[in-house]
Amino acid sequence: MKRKKLLKQLSNYFDMDRRELCERRDKMKLLLKQLRQKERELKQRCKTEIDDDKLRRLKKHRATVHAQRVKGIKALKKMSCD
């Protein structure tokens, strides 16, 4: 093997943690996108709901999803794969 190829393989072995971090970050971005969609869906359902009990439950569920999303965004900002 040539020197450049060997050095590239060696750097890949040393950068495994970085690669795994980047993959984890990408998965987290996807999950946060899904949570954002879920939150928007719950917001729409809250606008159309008539029953007070269901509305209260929907708002509580929406608040939980929002809190999870905010927590995930903070964790995502701490991760960097640059």
N, C-alpha and C. Protein backbone atom coordinates (compact mmCIF):
# COMPACT_ATOMS: atom_id res chain seq x y z
N MET A 1 0.84 -1.18 0.00
CA MET A 1 0.00 0.00 0.00
C MET A 1 0.88 1.24 0.00
N LYS A 2 0.33 2.26 -0.55
CA LYS A 2 1.08 3.51 -0.59
C LYS A 2 0.93 4.25 0.74
N ARG A 3 1.82 5.16 0.93
CA ARG A 3 1.89 5.88 2.20
C ARG A 3 0.60 6.66 2.49
N LYS A 4 0.05 7.35 1.49
CA LYS A 4 -1.16 8.15 1.70
C LYS A 4 -2.34 7.27 2.11
N LYS A 5 -2.45 6.14 1.48
CA LYS A 5 -3.55 5.23 1.79
C LYS A 5 -3.41 4.68 3.21
N LEU A 6 -2.19 4.33 3.59
CA LEU A 6 -1.95 3.85 4.94
C LEU A 6 -2.25 4.93 5.98
N LEU A 7 -1.83 6.14 5.69
CA LEU A 7 -2.10 7.24 6.62
C LEU A 7 -3.60 7.52 6.73
N LYS A 8 -4.29 7.39 5.62
CA LYS A 8 -5.74 7.61 5.64
C LYS A 8 -6.44 6.55 6.49
N GLN A 9 -6.03 5.28 6.33
CA GLN A 9 -6.60 4.21 7.15
C GLN A 9 -6.29 4.42 8.62
N LEU A 10 -5.08 4.83 8.90
CA LEU A 10 -4.70 5.08 10.28
C LEU A 10 -5.52 6.22 10.88
N SER A 11 -5.71 7.27 10.12
CA SER A 11 -6.51 8.39 10.63
C SER A 11 -7.97 7.98 10.83
N ASN A 12 -8.46 7.08 9.97
CA ASN A 12 -9.83 6.57 10.14
C ASN A 12 -9.97 5.80 11.45
N TYR A 13 -8.97 5.02 11.81
CA TYR A 13 -9.02 4.29 13.07
C TYR A 13 -9.02 5.25 14.25
N PHE A 14 -8.24 6.30 14.16
CA PHE A 14 -8.17 7.25 15.26
C PHE A 14 -9.42 8.13 15.33
N ASP A 15 -10.08 8.31 14.20
CA ASP A 15 -11.27 9.16 14.15
C ASP A 15 -12.57 8.38 14.31
N MET A 16 -12.52 7.16 14.78
CA MET A 16 -13.75 6.37 14.95
C MET A 16 -14.71 7.06 15.91
N ASP A 17 -14.19 7.59 16.99
CA ASP A 17 -15.06 8.27 17.95
C ASP A 17 -15.74 9.46 17.30
N ARG A 18 -15.00 10.18 16.51
CA ARG A 18 -15.54 11.35 15.83
C ARG A 18 -16.64 10.93 14.85
N ARG A 19 -16.41 9.87 14.12
CA ARG A 19 -17.39 9.37 13.15
C ARG A 19 -18.66 8.91 13.87
N GLU A 20 -18.49 8.20 14.96
CA GLU A 20 -19.66 7.74 15.73
C GLU A 20 -20.43 8.92 16.28
N LEU A 21 -19.71 9.95 16.72
CA LEU A 21 -20.36 11.15 17.23
C LEU A 21 -21.16 11.84 16.13
N CYS A 22 -20.60 11.90 14.93
CA CYS A 22 -21.31 12.50 13.81
C CYS A 22 -22.56 11.71 13.45
N GLU A 23 -22.47 10.40 13.47
CA GLU A 23 -23.64 9.55 13.18
C GLU A 23 -24.71 9.74 14.24
N ARG A 24 -24.27 9.81 15.47
CA ARG A 24 -25.22 10.01 16.58
C ARG A 24 -25.89 11.37 16.46
N ARG A 25 -25.13 12.37 16.08
CA ARG A 25 -25.65 13.72 15.89
C ARG A 25 -26.69 13.74 14.77
N ASP A 26 -26.42 13.04 13.67
CA ASP A 26 -27.37 12.98 12.56
C ASP A 26 -28.67 12.31 12.98
N LYS A 27 -28.56 11.24 13.74
CA LYS A 27 -29.76 10.55 14.23
C LYS A 27 -30.56 11.45 15.17
N MET A 28 -29.84 12.21 15.96
CA MET A 28 -30.51 13.11 16.90
C MET A 28 -31.23 14.23 16.15
N LYS A 29 -30.63 14.72 15.08
CA LYS A 29 -31.28 15.74 14.26
C LYS A 29 -32.59 15.21 13.69
N LEU A 30 -32.56 13.98 13.21
CA LEU A 30 -33.77 13.36 12.66
C LEU A 30 -34.84 13.23 13.73
N LEU A 31 -34.44 12.79 14.90
CA LEU A 31 -35.38 12.63 16.00
C LEU A 31 -35.98 13.98 16.40
N LEU A 32 -35.16 15.02 16.45
CA LEU A 32 -35.66 16.35 16.80
C LEU A 32 -36.64 16.88 15.77
N LYS A 33 -36.39 16.54 14.51
CA LYS A 33 -37.30 16.94 13.45
C LYS A 33 -38.66 16.26 13.64
N GLN A 34 -38.62 14.98 14.01
CA GLN A 34 -39.86 14.24 14.25
C GLN A 34 -40.60 14.82 15.46
N LEU A 35 -39.87 15.19 16.50
CA LEU A 35 -40.50 15.80 17.67
C LEU A 35 -41.15 17.14 17.31
N ARG A 36 -40.49 17.91 16.46
CA ARG A 36 -41.05 19.20 16.04
C ARG A 36 -42.36 18.97 15.28
N GLN A 37 -42.39 17.96 14.41
CA GLN A 37 -43.61 17.65 13.67
C GLN A 37 -44.72 17.21 14.63
N LYS A 38 -44.35 16.40 15.60
CA LYS A 38 -45.32 15.93 16.59
C LYS A 38 -45.89 17.11 17.38
N GLU A 39 -45.01 18.05 17.75
CA GLU A 39 -45.47 19.21 18.50
C GLU A 39 -46.44 20.06 17.67
N ARG A 40 -46.12 20.25 16.40
CA ARG A 40 -47.01 21.02 15.52
C ARG A 40 -48.36 20.32 15.37
N GLU A 41 -48.32 18.99 15.25
CA GLU A 41 -49.56 18.22 15.12
C GLU A 41 -50.41 18.38 16.37
N LEU A 42 -49.78 18.31 17.54
CA LEU A 42 -50.52 18.46 18.79
C LEU A 42 -51.08 19.87 18.92
N LYS A 43 -50.37 20.86 18.44
CA LYS A 43 -50.85 22.23 18.48
C LYS A 43 -52.11 22.38 17.63
N GLN A 44 -52.10 21.77 16.46
CA GLN A 44 -53.28 21.81 15.58
C GLN A 44 -54.46 21.09 16.22
N ARG A 45 -54.18 19.96 16.85
CA ARG A 45 -55.26 19.21 17.50
C ARG A 45 -55.83 19.99 18.67
N CYS A 46 -54.99 20.76 19.36
CA CYS A 46 -55.47 21.59 20.48
C CYS A 46 -56.42 22.67 19.99
N LYS A 47 -56.15 23.21 18.80
CA LYS A 47 -56.99 24.26 18.25
C LYS A 47 -58.39 23.76 17.91
N THR A 48 -58.48 22.50 17.52
CA THR A 48 -59.77 21.96 17.07
C THR A 48 -60.51 21.19 18.15
N GLU A 49 -59.87 20.92 19.26
CA GLU A 49 -60.49 20.09 20.31
C GLU A 49 -61.55 20.90 21.07
N ILE A 50 -62.67 20.25 21.33
CA ILE A 50 -63.77 20.89 22.03
C ILE A 50 -63.83 20.43 23.49
N ASP A 51 -63.62 19.16 23.72
CA ASP A 51 -63.71 18.58 25.06
C ASP A 51 -62.56 19.11 25.94
N ASP A 52 -62.94 19.62 27.10
CA ASP A 52 -61.95 20.23 28.00
C ASP A 52 -60.93 19.22 28.53
N ASP A 53 -61.40 18.02 28.88
CA ASP A 53 -60.48 17.01 29.40
C ASP A 53 -59.44 16.60 28.35
N LYS A 54 -59.90 16.38 27.14
CA LYS A 54 -58.98 16.00 26.06
C LYS A 54 -58.02 17.15 25.76
N LEU A 55 -58.54 18.37 25.80
CA LEU A 55 -57.70 19.54 25.54
C LEU A 55 -56.60 19.66 26.60
N ARG A 56 -56.95 19.43 27.84
CA ARG A 56 -55.97 19.49 28.93
C ARG A 56 -54.89 18.43 28.73
N ARG A 57 -55.32 17.21 28.38
CA ARG A 57 -54.35 16.13 28.14
C ARG A 57 -53.45 16.43 26.95
N LEU A 58 -54.04 16.99 25.89
CA LEU A 58 -53.25 17.33 24.71
C LEU A 58 -52.21 18.41 25.04
N LYS A 59 -52.62 19.40 25.81
CA LYS A 59 -51.69 20.47 26.19
C LYS A 59 -50.55 19.93 27.06
N LYS A 60 -50.90 19.03 27.94
CA LYS A 60 -49.88 18.43 28.80
C LYS A 60 -48.90 17.61 27.97
N HIS A 61 -49.44 16.85 27.03
CA HIS A 61 -48.59 16.03 26.15
C HIS A 61 -47.71 16.93 25.28
N ARG A 62 -48.29 18.01 24.79
CA ARG A 62 -47.53 18.96 23.97
C ARG A 62 -46.40 19.60 24.77
N ALA A 63 -46.68 19.94 26.02
CA ALA A 63 -45.65 20.53 26.87
C ALA A 63 -44.52 19.54 27.12
N THR A 64 -44.86 18.28 27.28
CA THR A 64 -43.84 17.24 27.47
C THR A 64 -42.97 17.10 26.23
N VAL A 65 -43.60 17.06 25.06
CA VAL A 65 -42.87 16.94 23.80
C VAL A 65 -41.96 18.16 23.62
N HIS A 66 -42.48 19.34 23.95
CA HIS A 66 -41.69 20.55 23.81
C HIS A 66 -40.47 20.52 24.74
N ALA A 67 -40.66 20.08 25.97
CA ALA A 67 -39.55 19.99 26.92
C ALA A 67 -38.49 19.00 26.43
N GLN A 68 -38.93 17.88 25.89
CA GLN A 68 -37.99 16.90 25.35
C GLN A 68 -37.21 17.47 24.17
N ARG A 69 -37.90 18.23 23.35
CA ARG A 69 -37.26 18.82 22.18
C ARG A 69 -36.22 19.86 22.59
N VAL A 70 -36.56 20.69 23.56
CA VAL A 70 -35.63 21.71 24.04
C VAL A 70 -34.39 21.05 24.66
N LYS A 71 -34.62 20.01 25.43
CA LYS A 71 -33.52 19.27 26.04
C LYS A 71 -32.63 18.65 24.97
N GLY A 72 -33.24 18.11 23.93
CA GLY A 72 -32.49 17.52 22.83
C GLY A 72 -31.69 18.55 22.06
N ILE A 73 -32.25 19.73 21.88
CA ILE A 73 -31.54 20.80 21.16
C ILE A 73 -30.31 21.22 21.95
N LYS A 74 -30.45 21.33 23.27
CA LYS A 74 -29.30 21.69 24.10
C LYS A 74 -28.21 20.62 24.01
N ALA A 75 -28.61 19.37 24.04
CA ALA A 75 -27.63 18.28 23.94
C ALA A 75 -26.96 18.27 22.57
N LEU A 76 -27.73 18.57 21.53
CA LEU A 76 -27.20 18.61 20.17
C LEU A 76 -26.18 19.72 20.01
N LYS A 77 -26.42 20.85 20.63
CA LYS A 77 -25.48 21.96 20.55
C LYS A 77 -24.17 21.63 21.24
N LYS A 78 -24.23 20.80 22.29
CA LYS A 78 -23.00 20.41 22.99
C LYS A 78 -22.16 19.46 22.15
N MET A 79 -22.82 18.66 21.31
CA MET A 79 -22.11 17.72 20.44
C MET A 79 -21.56 18.50 19.25
N SER A 80 -20.34 18.22 18.92
CA SER A 80 -19.80 18.80 17.69
C SER A 80 -18.90 17.76 17.04
N CYS A 81 -19.06 17.59 15.76
CA CYS A 81 -18.24 16.61 15.05
C CYS A 81 -17.33 17.30 14.06
N ASP A 82 -17.08 18.56 14.27
CA ASP A 82 -16.18 19.29 13.38
C ASP A 82 -14.74 18.98 13.63
